[in-house]
């Protein structure tokens, strides 16, 4: 297992062939300016809550990774499912 800190509350967790991103707030975070969100692989995106500094890049990462599953509470999951 490999865990990479992406800045603020964001993590990239990799184990075997599975890739998980937690609370993707990358493009709005100056400390993460060297990270290209288009290069991030995500089988799952976990969202702890819907503050902007935890969800800013959810849609962009999910669109770049067809088949990504978003895991969160019901309201957030339904929002992105739509």
PDB file of N, CA and C in Angstrom:
ATOM      1  N   UNK A   1       0.844  -1.169   0.000  1.00  0.00           N
ATOM      2  CA  UNK A   1       0.000   0.000   0.000  1.00  0.00           C
ATOM      3  C   UNK A   1       0.892   1.236   0.000  1.00  0.00           C
ATOM      4  N   UNK A   2       0.459   2.233  -0.768  1.00  0.00           N
ATOM      5  CA  UNK A   2       1.179   3.507  -0.824  1.00  0.00           C
ATOM      6  C   UNK A   2       0.169   4.622  -0.586  1.00  0.00           C
ATOM      7  N   UNK A   3       0.478   5.517   0.332  1.00  0.00           N
ATOM      8  CA  UNK A   3      -0.374   6.663   0.624  1.00  0.00           C
ATOM      9  C   UNK A   3       0.425   7.928   0.330  1.00  0.00           C
ATOM     10  N   UNK A   4      -0.137   8.787  -0.532  1.00  0.00           N
ATOM     11  CA  UNK A   4       0.518  10.031  -0.906  1.00  0.00           C
ATOM     12  C   UNK A   4      -0.346  11.195  -0.457  1.00  0.00           C
ATOM     13  N   UNK A   5       0.250  12.108   0.267  1.00  0.00           N
ATOM     14  CA  UNK A   5      -0.433  13.319   0.701  1.00  0.00           C
ATOM     15  C   UNK A   5      -0.468  14.293  -0.469  1.00  0.00           C
ATOM     16  N   UNK A   6      -1.671  14.735  -0.862  1.00  0.00           N
ATOM     17  CA  UNK A   6      -1.817  15.641  -1.992  1.00  0.00           C
ATOM     18  C   UNK A   6      -2.030  17.088  -1.567  1.00  0.00           C
ATOM     19  N   UNK A   7      -2.002  17.341  -0.294  1.00  0.00           N
ATOM     20  CA  UNK A   7      -2.201  18.692   0.205  1.00  0.00           C
ATOM     21  C   UNK A   7      -3.551  18.845   0.873  1.00  0.00           C
ATOM     22  N   UNK A   8      -3.619  19.752   1.830  1.00  0.00           N
ATOM     23  CA  UNK A   8      -4.824  20.037   2.621  1.00  0.00           C
ATOM     24  C   UNK A   8      -5.349  18.733   3.233  1.00  0.00           C
ATOM     25  N   UNK A   9      -6.508  18.270   2.805  1.00  0.00           N
ATOM     26  CA  UNK A   9      -7.085  17.034   3.350  1.00  0.00           C
ATOM     27  C   UNK A   9      -7.065  15.902   2.327  1.00  0.00           C
ATOM     28  N   UNK A  10      -6.349  16.076   1.235  1.00  0.00           N
ATOM     29  CA  UNK A  10      -6.382  15.127   0.122  1.00  0.00           C
ATOM     30  C   UNK A  10      -5.301  14.059   0.230  1.00  0.00           C
ATOM     31  N   UNK A  11      -5.731  12.839  -0.020  1.00  0.00           N
ATOM     32  CA  UNK A  11      -4.823  11.696  -0.022  1.00  0.00           C
ATOM     33  C   UNK A  11      -5.040  10.881  -1.278  1.00  0.00           C
ATOM     34  N   UNK A  12      -3.986  10.235  -1.750  1.00  0.00           N
ATOM     35  CA  UNK A  12      -4.079   9.261  -2.836  1.00  0.00           C
ATOM     36  C   UNK A  12      -3.585   7.938  -2.252  1.00  0.00           C
ATOM     37  N   UNK A  13      -4.465   6.965  -2.215  1.00  0.00           N
ATOM     38  CA  UNK A  13      -4.153   5.652  -1.636  1.00  0.00           C
ATOM     39  C   UNK A  13      -4.129   4.637  -2.761  1.00  0.00           C
ATOM     40  N   UNK A  14      -3.040   3.890  -2.841  1.00  0.00           N
ATOM     41  CA  UNK A  14      -2.908   2.868  -3.873  1.00  0.00           C
ATOM     42  C   UNK A  14      -2.567   1.533  -3.215  1.00  0.00           C
ATOM     43  N   UNK A  15      -3.302   0.494  -3.593  1.00  0.00           N
ATOM     44  CA  UNK A  15      -2.948  -0.855  -3.171  1.00  0.00           C
ATOM     45  C   UNK A  15      -3.356  -1.822  -4.271  1.00  0.00           C
ATOM     46  N   UNK A  16      -2.469  -2.751  -4.539  1.00  0.00           N
ATOM     47  CA  UNK A  16      -2.631  -3.641  -5.686  1.00  0.00           C
ATOM     48  C   UNK A  16      -2.926  -2.780  -6.918  1.00  0.00           C
ATOM     49  N   UNK A  17      -4.031  -3.026  -7.577  1.00  0.00           N
ATOM     50  CA  UNK A  17      -4.400  -2.253  -8.768  1.00  0.00           C
ATOM     51  C   UNK A  17      -5.493  -1.229  -8.479  1.00  0.00           C
ATOM     52  N   UNK A  18      -5.777  -0.984  -7.214  1.00  0.00           N
ATOM     53  CA  UNK A  18      -6.853  -0.079  -6.816  1.00  0.00           C
ATOM     54  C   UNK A  18      -6.297   1.272  -6.392  1.00  0.00           C
ATOM     55  N   UNK A  19      -6.981   2.318  -6.839  1.00  0.00           N
ATOM     56  CA  UNK A  19      -6.553   3.680  -6.546  1.00  0.00           C
ATOM     57  C   UNK A  19      -7.731   4.447  -5.940  1.00  0.00           C
ATOM     58  N   UNK A  20      -7.488   5.085  -4.789  1.00  0.00           N
ATOM     59  CA  UNK A  20      -8.519   5.829  -4.071  1.00  0.00           C
ATOM     60  C   UNK A  20      -8.003   7.239  -3.819  1.00  0.00           C
ATOM     61  N   UNK A  21      -8.856   8.217  -4.077  1.00  0.00           N
ATOM     62  CA  UNK A  21      -8.528   9.600  -3.739  1.00  0.00           C
ATOM     63  C   UNK A  21      -9.537  10.073  -2.706  1.00  0.00           C
ATOM     64  N   UNK A  22      -9.034  10.675  -1.641  1.00  0.00           N
ATOM     65  CA  UNK A  22      -9.875  11.176  -0.560  1.00  0.00           C
ATOM     66  C   UNK A  22      -9.892  12.705  -0.618  1.00  0.00           C
ATOM     67  N   UNK A  23     -11.096  13.282  -0.608  1.00  0.00           N
ATOM     68  CA  UNK A  23     -11.294  14.737  -0.541  1.00  0.00           C
ATOM     69  C   UNK A  23     -10.394  15.518  -1.495  1.00  0.00           C
ATOM     70  N   UNK A  24     -10.617  15.368  -2.808  1.00  0.00           N
ATOM     71  CA  UNK A  24      -9.725  16.008  -3.772  1.00  0.00           C
ATOM     72  C   UNK A  24      -9.880  17.531  -3.865  1.00  0.00           C
ATOM     73  N   UNK A  25      -9.002  18.222  -3.192  1.00  0.00           N
ATOM     74  CA  UNK A  25      -8.886  19.685  -3.254  1.00  0.00           C
ATOM     75  C   UNK A  25      -7.455  19.975  -3.685  1.00  0.00           C
ATOM     76  N   UNK A  26      -7.258  20.043  -5.002  1.00  0.00           N
ATOM     77  CA  UNK A  26      -5.907  20.144  -5.535  1.00  0.00           C
ATOM     78  C   UNK A  26      -5.710  21.429  -6.331  1.00  0.00           C
ATOM     79  N   UNK A  27      -6.575  21.690  -7.304  1.00  0.00           N
ATOM     80  CA  UNK A  27      -6.367  22.859  -8.169  1.00  0.00           C
ATOM     81  C   UNK A  27      -6.493  24.173  -7.413  1.00  0.00           C
ATOM     82  N   UNK A  28      -7.249  24.217  -6.341  1.00  0.00           N
ATOM     83  CA  UNK A  28      -7.383  25.438  -5.568  1.00  0.00           C
ATOM     84  C   UNK A  28      -6.394  25.569  -4.439  1.00  0.00           C
ATOM     85  N   UNK A  29      -5.518  24.594  -4.322  1.00  0.00           N
ATOM     86  CA  UNK A  29      -4.558  24.558  -3.226  1.00  0.00           C
ATOM     87  C   UNK A  29      -3.167  24.927  -3.746  1.00  0.00           C
ATOM     88  N   UNK A  30      -2.644  26.100  -3.394  1.00  0.00           N
ATOM     89  CA  UNK A  30      -1.329  26.503  -3.900  1.00  0.00           C
ATOM     90  C   UNK A  30      -0.206  25.543  -3.509  1.00  0.00           C
ATOM     91  N   UNK A  31      -0.373  24.819  -2.411  1.00  0.00           N
ATOM     92  CA  UNK A  31       0.660  23.861  -2.005  1.00  0.00           C
ATOM     93  C   UNK A  31       0.670  22.607  -2.882  1.00  0.00           C
ATOM     94  N   UNK A  32      -0.378  22.431  -3.696  1.00  0.00           N
ATOM     95  CA  UNK A  32      -0.459  21.266  -4.572  1.00  0.00           C
ATOM     96  C   UNK A  32      -0.343  21.673  -6.043  1.00  0.00           C
ATOM     97  N   UNK A  33       0.222  22.839  -6.313  1.00  0.00           N
ATOM     98  CA  UNK A  33       0.273  23.368  -7.679  1.00  0.00           C
ATOM     99  C   UNK A  33       1.087  22.498  -8.639  1.00  0.00           C
ATOM    100  N   UNK A  34       1.915  21.616  -8.116  1.00  0.00           N
ATOM    101  CA  UNK A  34       2.723  20.748  -8.980  1.00  0.00           C
ATOM    102  C   UNK A  34       1.998  19.464  -9.388  1.00  0.00           C
ATOM    103  N   UNK A  35       0.759  19.281  -8.910  1.00  0.00           N
ATOM    104  CA  UNK A  35       0.006  18.059  -9.202  1.00  0.00           C
ATOM    105  C   UNK A  35      -0.950  18.316 -10.360  1.00  0.00           C
ATOM    106  N   UNK A  36      -0.875  17.491 -11.382  1.00  0.00           N
ATOM    107  CA  UNK A  36      -1.775  17.564 -12.530  1.00  0.00           C
ATOM    108  C   UNK A  36      -2.941  16.613 -12.274  1.00  0.00           C
ATOM    109  N   UNK A  37      -4.137  17.158 -12.024  1.00  0.00           N
ATOM    110  CA  UNK A  37      -5.266  16.276 -11.702  1.00  0.00           C
ATOM    111  C   UNK A  37      -5.639  15.374 -12.864  1.00  0.00           C
ATOM    112  N   UNK A  38      -5.270  15.756 -14.089  1.00  0.00           N
ATOM    113  CA  UNK A  38      -5.568  14.909 -15.241  1.00  0.00           C
ATOM    114  C   UNK A  38      -4.742  13.634 -15.252  1.00  0.00           C
ATOM    115  N   UNK A  39      -3.691  13.591 -14.474  1.00  0.00           N
ATOM    116  CA  UNK A  39      -2.851  12.395 -14.435  1.00  0.00           C
ATOM    117  C   UNK A  39      -3.217  11.470 -13.271  1.00  0.00           C
ATOM    118  N   UNK A  40      -4.141  11.907 -12.417  1.00  0.00           N
ATOM    119  CA  UNK A  40      -4.511  11.088 -11.258  1.00  0.00           C
ATOM    120  C   UNK A  40      -5.470   9.974 -11.662  1.00  0.00           C
ATOM    121  N   UNK A  41      -5.173   8.771 -11.210  1.00  0.00           N
ATOM    122  CA  UNK A  41      -6.043   7.623 -11.446  1.00  0.00           C
ATOM    123  C   UNK A  41      -6.902   7.444 -10.202  1.00  0.00           C
ATOM    124  N   UNK A  42      -8.206   7.212 -10.411  1.00  0.00           N
ATOM    125  CA  UNK A  42      -9.093   7.017  -9.272  1.00  0.00           C
ATOM    126  C   UNK A  42     -10.170   5.993  -9.587  1.00  0.00           C
ATOM    127  N   UNK A  43     -10.098   4.856  -8.917  1.00  0.00           N
ATOM    128  CA  UNK A  43     -11.183   3.889  -8.994  1.00  0.00           C
ATOM    129  C   UNK A  43     -12.317   4.328  -8.077  1.00  0.00           C
ATOM    130  N   UNK A  44     -11.928   4.953  -6.969  1.00  0.00           N
ATOM    131  CA  UNK A  44     -12.883   5.456  -5.984  1.00  0.00           C
ATOM    132  C   UNK A  44     -12.464   6.851  -5.546  1.00  0.00           C
ATOM    133  N   UNK A  45     -13.463   7.706  -5.325  1.00  0.00           N
ATOM    134  CA  UNK A  45     -13.232   9.000  -4.700  1.00  0.00           C
ATOM    135  C   UNK A  45     -14.065   9.012  -3.433  1.00  0.00           C
ATOM    136  N   UNK A  46     -13.408   9.178  -2.295  1.00  0.00           N
ATOM    137  CA  UNK A  46     -14.108   9.254  -1.022  1.00  0.00           C
ATOM    138  C   UNK A  46     -14.245  10.712  -0.619  1.00  0.00           C
ATOM    139  N   UNK A  47     -15.457  11.111  -0.243  1.00  0.00           N
ATOM    140  CA  UNK A  47     -15.726  12.492   0.144  1.00  0.00           C
ATOM    141  C   UNK A  47     -16.245  12.485   1.576  1.00  0.00           C
ATOM    142  N   UNK A  48     -15.548  13.179   2.463  1.00  0.00           N
ATOM    143  CA  UNK A  48     -15.955  13.203   3.867  1.00  0.00           C
ATOM    144  C   UNK A  48     -17.101  14.167   4.114  1.00  0.00           C
ATOM    145  N   UNK A  49     -17.105  15.303   3.408  1.00  0.00           N
ATOM    146  CA  UNK A  49     -18.192  16.271   3.505  1.00  0.00           C
ATOM    147  C   UNK A  49     -18.080  17.238   2.334  1.00  0.00           C
ATOM    148  N   UNK A  50     -19.106  18.073   2.151  1.00  0.00           N
ATOM    149  CA  UNK A  50     -19.221  18.843   0.916  1.00  0.00           C
ATOM    150  C   UNK A  50     -18.684  20.268   0.979  1.00  0.00           C
ATOM    151  N   UNK A  51     -17.726  20.535   1.833  1.00  0.00           N
ATOM    152  CA  UNK A  51     -17.088  21.851   1.781  1.00  0.00           C
ATOM    153  C   UNK A  51     -16.204  21.915   0.542  1.00  0.00           C
ATOM    154  N   UNK A  52     -16.105  23.111  -0.027  1.00  0.00           N
ATOM    155  CA  UNK A  52     -15.347  23.264  -1.271  1.00  0.00           C
ATOM    156  C   UNK A  52     -13.917  22.742  -1.155  1.00  0.00           C
ATOM    157  N   UNK A  53     -13.309  22.912   0.014  1.00  0.00           N
ATOM    158  CA  UNK A  53     -11.927  22.460   0.165  1.00  0.00           C
ATOM    159  C   UNK A  53     -11.818  20.945   0.357  1.00  0.00           C
ATOM    160  N   UNK A  54     -12.887  20.226   0.053  1.00  0.00           N
ATOM    161  CA  UNK A  54     -12.863  18.764   0.066  1.00  0.00           C
ATOM    162  C   UNK A  54     -13.441  18.176  -1.217  1.00  0.00           C
ATOM    163  N   UNK A  55     -14.114  19.006  -2.036  1.00  0.00           N
ATOM    164  CA  UNK A  55     -14.780  18.474  -3.232  1.00  0.00           C
ATOM    165  C   UNK A  55     -14.410  19.186  -4.533  1.00  0.00           C
ATOM    166  N   UNK A  56     -13.535  20.164  -4.482  1.00  0.00           N
ATOM    167  CA  UNK A  56     -13.285  21.015  -5.641  1.00  0.00           C
ATOM    168  C   UNK A  56     -13.003  20.231  -6.923  1.00  0.00           C
ATOM    169  N   UNK A  57     -12.237  19.172  -6.848  1.00  0.00           N
ATOM    170  CA  UNK A  57     -11.814  18.465  -8.066  1.00  0.00           C
ATOM    171  C   UNK A  57     -12.502  17.117  -8.287  1.00  0.00           C
ATOM    172  N   UNK A  58     -13.571  16.857  -7.558  1.00  0.00           N
ATOM    173  CA  UNK A  58     -14.271  15.571  -7.700  1.00  0.00           C
ATOM    174  C   UNK A  58     -14.734  15.353  -9.130  1.00  0.00           C
ATOM    175  N   UNK A  59     -15.463  16.301  -9.691  1.00  0.00           N
ATOM    176  CA  UNK A  59     -16.023  16.110 -11.031  1.00  0.00           C
ATOM    177  C   UNK A  59     -14.943  15.945 -12.089  1.00  0.00           C
ATOM    178  N   UNK A  60     -13.916  16.765 -12.040  1.00  0.00           N
ATOM    179  CA  UNK A  60     -12.853  16.685 -13.051  1.00  0.00           C
ATOM    180  C   UNK A  60     -12.136  15.340 -12.989  1.00  0.00           C
ATOM    181  N   UNK A  61     -11.835  14.875 -11.794  1.00  0.00           N
ATOM    182  CA  UNK A  61     -11.142  13.587 -11.665  1.00  0.00           C
ATOM    183  C   UNK A  61     -12.050  12.448 -12.103  1.00  0.00           C
ATOM    184  N   UNK A  62     -13.323  12.497 -11.709  1.00  0.00           N
ATOM    185  CA  UNK A  62     -14.259  11.433 -12.097  1.00  0.00           C
ATOM    186  C   UNK A  62     -14.450  11.397 -13.613  1.00  0.00           C
ATOM    187  N   UNK A  63     -14.521  12.549 -14.250  1.00  0.00           N
ATOM    188  CA  UNK A  63     -14.683  12.584 -15.706  1.00  0.00           C
ATOM    189  C   UNK A  63     -13.460  12.044 -16.428  1.00  0.00           C
ATOM    190  N   UNK A  64     -12.285  12.206 -15.840  1.00  0.00           N
ATOM    191  CA  UNK A  64     -11.050  11.690 -16.452  1.00  0.00           C
ATOM    192  C   UNK A  64     -10.853  10.201 -16.194  1.00  0.00           C
ATOM    193  N   UNK A  65     -11.655   9.631 -15.313  1.00  0.00           N
ATOM    194  CA  UNK A  65     -11.522   8.221 -14.942  1.00  0.00           C
ATOM    195  C   UNK A  65     -12.897   7.568 -15.026  1.00  0.00           C
ATOM    196  N   UNK A  66     -13.334   7.238 -16.231  1.00  0.00           N
ATOM    197  CA  UNK A  66     -14.651   6.639 -16.393  1.00  0.00           C
ATOM    198  C   UNK A  66     -14.763   5.378 -15.545  1.00  0.00           C
ATOM    199  N   UNK A  67     -15.884   5.242 -14.870  1.00  0.00           N
ATOM    200  CA  UNK A  67     -16.089   4.099 -14.000  1.00  0.00           C
ATOM    201  C   UNK A  67     -15.726   4.367 -12.554  1.00  0.00           C
ATOM    202  N   UNK A  68     -15.291   5.585 -12.248  1.00  0.00           N
ATOM    203  CA  UNK A  68     -14.963   5.937 -10.868  1.00  0.00           C
ATOM    204  C   UNK A  68     -16.225   5.891 -10.015  1.00  0.00           C
ATOM    205  N   UNK A  69     -16.119   5.315  -8.832  1.00  0.00           N
ATOM    206  CA  UNK A  69     -17.215   5.270  -7.878  1.00  0.00           C
ATOM    207  C   UNK A  69     -16.974   6.321  -6.814  1.00  0.00           C
ATOM    208  N   UNK A  70     -17.989   7.155  -6.575  1.00  0.00           N
ATOM    209  CA  UNK A  70     -17.911   8.159  -5.520  1.00  0.00           C
ATOM    210  C   UNK A  70     -18.563   7.590  -4.270  1.00  0.00           C
ATOM    211  N   UNK A  71     -17.829   7.661  -3.167  1.00  0.00           N
ATOM    212  CA  UNK A  71     -18.305   7.120  -1.898  1.00  0.00           C
ATOM    213  C   UNK A  71     -18.446   8.269  -0.916  1.00  0.00           C
ATOM    214  N   UNK A  72     -19.667   8.450  -0.406  1.00  0.00           N
ATOM    215  CA  UNK A  72     -19.930   9.527   0.541  1.00  0.00           C
ATOM    216  C   UNK A  72     -21.288   9.287   1.180  1.00  0.00           C
ATOM    217  N   UNK A  73     -21.817  10.328   1.818  1.00  0.00           N
ATOM    218  CA  UNK A  73     -23.162  10.180   2.355  1.00  0.00           C
ATOM    219  C   UNK A  73     -24.168  10.232   1.198  1.00  0.00           C
ATOM    220  N   UNK A  74     -25.418   9.948   1.504  1.00  0.00           N
ATOM    221  CA  UNK A  74     -26.450   9.810   0.478  1.00  0.00           C
ATOM    222  C   UNK A  74     -26.591  11.071  -0.379  1.00  0.00           C
ATOM    223  N   UNK A  75     -26.703  12.233   0.250  1.00  0.00           N
ATOM    224  CA  UNK A  75     -26.946  13.469  -0.496  1.00  0.00           C
ATOM    225  C   UNK A  75     -25.800  13.787  -1.461  1.00  0.00           C
ATOM    226  N   UNK A  76     -24.586  13.635  -1.010  1.00  0.00           N
ATOM    227  CA  UNK A  76     -23.435  13.923  -1.872  1.00  0.00           C
ATOM    228  C   UNK A  76     -23.361  12.898  -3.007  1.00  0.00           C
ATOM    229  N   UNK A  77     -23.552  11.644  -2.708  1.00  0.00           N
ATOM    230  CA  UNK A  77     -23.503  10.609  -3.742  1.00  0.00           C
ATOM    231  C   UNK A  77     -24.587  10.835  -4.786  1.00  0.00           C
ATOM    232  N   UNK A  78     -25.789  11.211  -4.377  1.00  0.00           N
ATOM    233  CA  UNK A  78     -26.878  11.468  -5.319  1.00  0.00           C
ATOM    234  C   UNK A  78     -26.587  12.712  -6.166  1.00  0.00           C
ATOM    235  N   UNK A  79     -25.981  13.722  -5.568  1.00  0.00           N
ATOM    236  CA  UNK A  79     -25.618  14.919  -6.330  1.00  0.00           C
ATOM    237  C   UNK A  79     -24.683  14.556  -7.482  1.00  0.00           C
ATOM    238  N   UNK A  80     -23.642  13.802  -7.196  1.00  0.00           N
ATOM    239  CA  UNK A  80     -22.689  13.453  -8.255  1.00  0.00           C
ATOM    240  C   UNK A  80     -23.237  12.372  -9.180  1.00  0.00           C
ATOM    241  N   UNK A  81     -24.144  11.555  -8.688  1.00  0.00           N
ATOM    242  CA  UNK A  81     -24.764  10.547  -9.541  1.00  0.00           C
ATOM    243  C   UNK A  81     -25.628  11.166 -10.621  1.00  0.00           C
ATOM    244  N   UNK A  82     -26.145  12.365 -10.340  1.00  0.00           N
ATOM    245  CA  UNK A  82     -26.984  13.075 -11.317  1.00  0.00           C
ATOM    246  C   UNK A  82     -26.129  13.699 -12.370  1.00  0.00           C
TER     247      UNK A  82
END
